[in-house]
Amino acid sequence: MHPTALRAIDFHVHVEQDAHGNLALDHELMDASARYFRSGTDRTPTLEHIADHYRQRRIGAVVFTVDASHALGRPALSSEDIADAAAHHADVLIPFGSVDPHDPAAADRARSLVNDHGARGFKFHPSLQDFSPDHERHYPLYETIQELGVPALFHTGQTGIGAGLPGGRGIKLGRSNPMLLDEVAADFPGLTIVLAHPSVPWQDEAIAMATHKANVYIDLSGWSPRYFPPQLVKAASTYLSHKVLFGSDFPLLTPERWLSEFNDLETITPEARSLILKKNAQLVLGLDEAALELDRE
């Protein structure tokens, strides 16, 4: 990856549509999340659109889909295709893979995604994928990801997927309690775990984990910064400034809106901003310092 003067790295960007027009979610779930986030009409940008959007803004983007084929009963977008296509936009796109934890071949597929397709990490959504991340049946998968030396990004807290539908369309919020990952972080100290989003209603648990375990980080995606829980802002401003990552949740929340509101958080020091916007992600992703010189404008 050789980007020119990237000013930030967005750690949380969804690919919602592939080159053939296939969608990551069915229309009912897509519409429910759009209502929840009050997102605009451009709800399903293609990978090429995402690359152009981020290139114009000189921001790197970690891109992924979520493979919930078992829970949703429909094919997922291909992580292999996403990673292969992202290679043509390596100046701005950093591909993550996604594997279904219910798939007996998940560990083998994870290995192939990294070794054969250039995936730089993995995305999981315990609520959408309907799995308990602390169950030991998933440990061989975590062991493989640890061996591969790439991070695992887990959705935590509330989700807009299924929000407002009867029974939330069967999606269980409790699967995404960050404390379910505490034993995983303890049992796999070489596995970098990123807790995605302000983990409402379990924000204190997420902060405790990131404070206690060197291999646990937090991304700030999915929430407008003006609504961040105050204890998260305090932690990000001070003792956890080296453990927090910029993430937007594009296309549900644009990076430009996120960055504009983040700039209004007066308690975030210039040193903390530098870490949150780029340097922490650079460390987690193992990106070369010379190739990603922080823009000082």
Protein backbone atom coordinates (compact mmCIF):
# COMPACT_ATOMS: atom_id res chain seq x y z
CA MET A 1 0.00 0.00 0.00
CA HIS A 2 1.52 3.33 -1.10
CA PRO A 3 -0.97 6.15 -0.51
CA THR A 4 0.07 9.75 -1.01
CA ALA A 5 -0.40 12.00 2.01
CA LEU A 6 -3.32 10.15 3.58
CA ARG A 7 -4.62 12.33 6.37
CA ALA A 8 -6.58 9.61 8.20
CA ILE A 9 -7.58 5.94 8.12
CA ASP A 10 -11.25 5.04 8.46
CA PHE A 11 -11.29 1.65 10.19
CA HIS A 12 -14.95 0.82 9.46
CA VAL A 13 -16.36 0.96 5.92
CA HIS A 14 -19.06 -1.41 4.63
CA VAL A 15 -19.29 -2.82 1.13
CA GLU A 16 -23.06 -3.21 0.66
CA GLN A 17 -23.23 -4.09 -3.06
CA ASP A 18 -21.01 -6.06 -5.40
CA ALA A 19 -20.23 -5.46 -9.06
CA HIS A 20 -23.19 -7.65 -10.08
CA GLY A 21 -25.76 -5.66 -8.10
CA ASN A 22 -26.09 -8.20 -5.28
CA LEU A 23 -26.80 -6.65 -1.87
CA ALA A 24 -25.21 -7.56 1.45
CA LEU A 25 -28.61 -7.60 3.21
CA ASP A 26 -32.18 -8.18 2.07
CA HIS A 27 -34.30 -5.10 1.45
CA GLU A 28 -36.19 -5.30 4.76
CA LEU A 29 -32.98 -5.23 6.80
CA MET A 30 -31.41 -2.63 4.52
CA ASP A 31 -34.41 -0.34 4.87
CA ALA A 32 -34.56 -0.82 8.65
CA SER A 33 -30.93 0.21 9.09
CA ALA A 34 -31.39 3.18 6.74
CA ARG A 35 -34.33 4.39 8.87
CA TYR A 36 -32.36 3.86 12.08
CA PHE A 37 -29.39 5.88 10.83
CA ARG A 38 -31.49 8.32 8.78
CA SER A 39 -29.02 7.72 6.00
CA GLY A 40 -29.25 9.25 2.54
CA THR A 41 -30.21 7.69 -0.75
CA ASP A 42 -26.72 6.46 -1.66
CA ARG A 43 -27.06 3.46 0.64
CA THR A 44 -25.29 0.82 -1.45
CA PRO A 45 -22.12 2.24 -3.02
CA THR A 46 -19.92 -0.18 -4.95
CA LEU A 47 -16.28 -0.75 -4.07
CA GLU A 48 -15.23 1.55 -6.91
CA HIS A 49 -17.50 4.30 -5.59
CA ILE A 50 -16.02 3.87 -2.12
CA ALA A 51 -12.48 4.07 -3.47
CA ASP A 52 -13.28 7.30 -5.35
CA HIS A 53 -15.03 8.80 -2.33
CA TYR A 54 -12.07 8.16 -0.02
CA ARG A 55 -9.40 9.03 -2.59
CA GLN A 56 -10.92 12.47 -3.11
CA ARG A 57 -10.71 13.06 0.64
CA ARG A 58 -7.23 11.56 1.07
CA ILE A 59 -8.49 9.03 3.61
CA GLY A 60 -7.65 5.33 3.74
CA ALA A 61 -10.56 2.92 4.22
CA VAL A 62 -10.76 -0.53 5.79
CA VAL A 63 -13.45 -2.21 3.68
CA PHE A 64 -15.43 -5.39 4.31
CA THR A 65 -18.72 -7.20 4.15
CA VAL A 66 -20.21 -9.52 6.79
CA ASP A 67 -20.72 -13.19 5.96
CA ALA A 68 -23.92 -14.12 7.79
CA SER A 69 -25.07 -16.67 5.23
CA HIS A 70 -26.03 -19.26 7.88
CA ALA A 71 -28.09 -16.87 10.00
CA LEU A 72 -29.72 -15.01 7.11
CA GLY A 73 -30.23 -17.99 4.81
CA ARG A 74 -28.84 -16.12 1.81
CA PRO A 75 -25.45 -15.92 0.12
CA ALA A 76 -23.03 -13.31 1.40
CA LEU A 77 -21.04 -10.98 -0.81
CA SER A 78 -17.71 -12.55 -1.67
CA SER A 79 -14.87 -11.44 0.58
CA GLU A 80 -12.49 -12.91 -1.96
CA ASP A 81 -13.90 -10.65 -4.69
CA ILE A 82 -13.78 -7.63 -2.39
CA ALA A 83 -10.14 -8.26 -1.50
CA ASP A 84 -9.15 -8.89 -5.10
CA ALA A 85 -10.92 -5.74 -6.31
CA ALA A 86 -9.45 -3.67 -3.47
CA ALA A 87 -5.97 -4.54 -4.75
CA HIS A 88 -6.71 -2.27 -7.72
CA HIS A 89 -7.28 0.61 -5.28
CA ALA A 90 -4.42 -0.11 -2.91
CA ASP A 91 -3.69 3.59 -2.54
CA VAL A 92 -6.77 3.96 -0.33
CA LEU A 93 -8.47 0.59 0.32
CA ILE A 94 -7.43 -1.93 2.99
CA PRO A 95 -9.50 -5.12 2.61
CA PHE A 96 -10.75 -7.22 5.51
CA GLY A 97 -12.30 -10.63 5.02
CA SER A 98 -15.38 -12.07 6.66
CA VAL A 99 -16.07 -15.74 7.32
CA ASP A 100 -19.17 -17.32 8.79
CA PRO A 101 -18.25 -18.78 12.21
CA HIS A 102 -20.85 -21.51 11.64
CA ASP A 103 -18.91 -22.75 8.59
CA PRO A 104 -16.75 -25.80 9.50
CA ALA A 105 -14.22 -24.58 6.96
CA ALA A 106 -14.08 -21.02 8.36
CA ALA A 107 -10.47 -21.32 9.57
CA ASP A 108 -9.25 -22.69 6.24
CA ARG A 109 -11.09 -19.95 4.37
CA ALA A 110 -9.61 -17.31 6.67
CA ARG A 111 -6.14 -18.58 5.89
CA SER A 112 -6.84 -18.45 2.15
CA LEU A 113 -8.27 -14.93 2.37
CA VAL A 114 -5.02 -13.69 3.87
CA ASN A 115 -2.50 -15.78 1.96
CA ASP A 116 -4.20 -15.88 -1.45
CA HIS A 117 -6.25 -12.69 -1.56
CA GLY A 118 -4.40 -10.19 0.61
CA ALA A 119 -6.96 -9.67 3.38
CA ARG A 120 -5.48 -7.55 6.18
CA GLY A 121 -7.92 -8.56 8.93
CA PHE A 122 -11.40 -9.96 9.62
CA LYS A 123 -14.82 -8.53 10.47
CA PHE A 124 -17.36 -10.30 12.68
CA HIS A 125 -20.89 -9.29 13.71
CA PRO A 126 -22.00 -11.67 16.49
CA SER A 127 -25.61 -10.44 16.47
CA LEU A 128 -26.09 -10.59 12.71
CA GLN A 129 -24.11 -13.84 12.39
CA ASP A 130 -25.96 -15.27 15.41
CA PHE A 131 -23.01 -16.71 17.30
CA SER A 132 -21.64 -16.39 20.82
CA PRO A 133 -18.07 -15.20 20.29
CA ASP A 134 -16.87 -16.69 23.59
CA HIS A 135 -17.83 -20.27 22.69
CA GLU A 136 -14.82 -22.54 22.42
CA ARG A 137 -16.10 -24.05 19.17
CA HIS A 138 -14.81 -20.85 17.54
CA TYR A 139 -11.36 -21.08 19.10
CA PRO A 140 -9.74 -22.85 16.10
CA LEU A 141 -10.79 -19.88 13.97
CA TYR A 142 -9.30 -17.40 16.43
CA GLU A 143 -6.15 -19.50 16.63
CA THR A 144 -5.80 -19.30 12.86
CA ILE A 145 -6.31 -15.53 12.78
CA GLN A 146 -3.77 -15.13 15.59
CA GLU A 147 -1.27 -17.22 13.62
CA LEU A 148 -1.89 -15.10 10.54
CA GLY A 149 -1.00 -12.00 12.56
CA VAL A 150 -3.98 -9.87 11.47
CA PRO A 151 -6.63 -8.11 13.61
CA ALA A 152 -10.23 -9.19 14.23
CA LEU A 153 -12.90 -6.47 14.29
CA PHE A 154 -16.06 -7.36 16.22
CA HIS A 155 -19.32 -5.44 16.17
CA THR A 156 -20.32 -4.56 19.73
CA GLY A 157 -23.36 -2.90 21.30
CA GLN A 158 -26.58 -1.78 19.67
CA THR A 159 -27.16 -2.42 15.97
CA GLY A 160 -29.35 -0.67 13.44
CA ILE A 161 -29.78 -3.93 11.52
CA GLY A 162 -33.28 -5.16 12.35
CA ALA A 163 -34.03 -2.07 14.43
CA GLY A 164 -37.75 -1.32 14.64
CA LEU A 165 -38.82 -4.66 13.17
CA PRO A 166 -40.88 -7.23 15.11
CA GLY A 167 -38.45 -9.05 17.39
CA GLY A 168 -35.67 -7.14 15.68
CA ARG A 169 -35.99 -9.79 12.94
CA GLY A 170 -34.59 -12.30 15.43
CA ILE A 171 -31.26 -10.47 15.83
CA LYS A 172 -30.05 -10.77 19.43
CA LEU A 173 -28.25 -7.77 20.89
CA GLY A 174 -26.74 -9.79 23.72
CA ARG A 175 -24.46 -11.60 21.28
CA SER A 176 -22.63 -8.29 20.89
CA ASN A 177 -21.88 -7.59 24.55
CA PRO A 178 -18.15 -6.81 24.46
CA MET A 179 -17.55 -8.77 27.66
CA LEU A 180 -18.14 -11.96 25.66
CA LEU A 181 -14.80 -11.18 24.04
CA ASP A 182 -12.89 -10.72 27.28
CA GLU A 183 -12.08 -14.43 27.60
CA VAL A 184 -11.13 -14.54 23.92
CA ALA A 185 -8.69 -11.67 24.44
CA ALA A 186 -7.26 -13.42 27.50
CA ASP A 187 -6.94 -16.81 25.80
CA PHE A 188 -5.43 -15.34 22.61
CA PRO A 189 -3.02 -12.62 23.75
CA GLY A 190 -1.45 -12.49 20.30
CA LEU A 191 -4.78 -11.71 18.63
CA THR A 192 -5.53 -8.02 18.19
CA ILE A 193 -9.24 -7.46 18.87
CA VAL A 194 -11.00 -4.25 17.90
CA LEU A 195 -14.36 -3.56 19.55
CA ALA A 196 -16.37 -1.77 16.89
CA HIS A 197 -18.53 1.21 17.84
CA PRO A 198 -19.29 2.91 21.12
CA SER A 199 -20.57 -0.26 22.83
CA VAL A 200 -23.82 1.17 24.16
CA PRO A 201 -25.29 -0.05 26.50
CA TRP A 202 -21.97 -1.68 27.55
CA GLN A 203 -19.58 1.23 27.10
CA ASP A 204 -17.93 0.86 30.51
CA GLU A 205 -17.23 -2.81 29.82
CA ALA A 206 -15.50 -1.96 26.54
CA ILE A 207 -13.38 0.73 28.20
CA ALA A 208 -12.42 -1.70 30.97
CA MET A 209 -11.32 -4.30 28.44
CA ALA A 210 -9.25 -1.84 26.39
CA THR A 211 -7.64 -0.59 29.60
CA HIS A 212 -6.91 -4.07 30.94
CA LYS A 213 -5.74 -5.91 27.83
CA ALA A 214 -2.99 -4.67 25.55
CA ASN A 215 -4.48 -6.52 22.57
CA VAL A 216 -7.93 -4.83 22.75
CA TYR A 217 -8.80 -1.60 20.91
CA ILE A 218 -11.99 0.40 20.29
CA ASP A 219 -13.18 1.94 17.03
CA LEU A 220 -15.49 4.95 17.14
CA SER A 221 -17.71 4.10 14.19
CA GLY A 222 -21.49 4.15 13.87
CA TRP A 223 -22.10 7.16 16.10
CA SER A 224 -21.89 10.86 15.38
CA PRO A 225 -19.11 12.14 17.67
CA ARG A 226 -21.48 14.68 19.23
CA TYR A 227 -23.37 11.73 20.75
CA PHE A 228 -20.37 9.79 22.08
CA PRO A 229 -20.83 8.64 25.70
CA PRO A 230 -18.95 11.12 27.93
CA GLN A 231 -16.82 8.40 29.55
CA LEU A 232 -15.63 7.33 26.09
CA VAL A 233 -14.66 10.89 25.17
CA LYS A 234 -12.74 11.21 28.44
CA ALA A 235 -10.91 7.92 27.89
CA ALA A 236 -10.11 8.73 24.25
CA SER A 237 -8.79 12.14 25.32
CA THR A 238 -6.43 10.76 27.94
CA TYR A 239 -5.46 7.26 29.05
CA LEU A 240 -6.89 5.39 26.05
CA SER A 241 -5.81 7.78 23.30
CA HIS A 242 -3.42 5.08 22.04
CA LYS A 243 -6.17 2.43 21.94
CA VAL A 244 -8.94 4.23 20.02
CA LEU A 245 -9.47 4.29 16.23
CA PHE A 246 -11.34 6.56 13.82
CA GLY A 247 -14.18 4.75 12.06
CA SER A 248 -17.22 6.15 10.31
CA ASP A 249 -19.54 3.22 9.40
CA PHE A 250 -19.81 4.48 5.82
CA PRO A 251 -22.18 4.54 3.96
CA LEU A 252 -24.46 4.94 6.99
CA LEU A 253 -22.31 7.77 8.31
CA THR A 254 -19.94 9.67 6.03
CA PRO A 255 -16.32 10.28 7.02
CA GLU A 256 -16.66 13.99 6.34
CA ARG A 257 -19.55 14.32 8.80
CA TRP A 258 -17.70 12.22 11.39
CA LEU A 259 -14.49 14.24 11.06
CA SER A 260 -16.33 17.55 11.21
CA GLU A 261 -18.06 16.62 14.46
CA PHE A 262 -14.89 15.06 15.88
CA ASN A 263 -13.10 18.35 15.33
CA ASP A 264 -15.69 19.98 17.60
CA LEU A 265 -14.70 17.79 20.58
CA GLU A 266 -12.58 20.34 22.36
CA THR A 267 -11.18 17.93 24.96
CA ILE A 268 -9.36 15.85 22.33
CA THR A 269 -5.77 17.10 22.27
CA PRO A 270 -3.74 17.42 19.05
CA GLU A 271 -1.62 14.47 20.19
CA ALA A 272 -4.70 12.32 20.77
CA ARG A 273 -6.17 13.34 17.40
CA SER A 274 -3.02 12.26 15.61
CA LEU A 275 -3.22 8.85 17.26
CA ILE A 276 -6.97 8.35 16.79
CA LEU A 277 -7.20 9.51 13.19
CA LYS A 278 -4.30 7.50 11.82
CA LYS A 279 -1.37 6.34 13.92
CA ASN A 280 -3.28 3.79 16.01
CA ALA A 281 -4.76 2.21 12.88
CA GLN A 282 -1.34 2.16 11.28
CA LEU A 283 -0.03 0.18 14.26
CA VAL A 284 -2.97 -2.25 14.37
CA LEU A 285 -2.74 -2.90 10.64
CA GLY A 286 1.03 -3.19 10.59
CA LEU A 287 1.36 -0.55 7.89
CA ASP A 288 4.77 0.83 7.02
CA GLU A 289 5.60 4.15 8.67
CA ALA A 290 7.39 5.57 5.61
CA ALA A 291 4.50 4.69 3.31
CA LEU A 292 1.95 6.34 5.57
CA GLU A 293 3.57 9.59 6.66
CA LEU A 294 0.97 11.56 8.61
CA ASP A 295 -0.26 14.64 6.81
CA ARG A 296 0.56 17.63 8.99
CA GLU A 297 -1.71 20.19 7.34
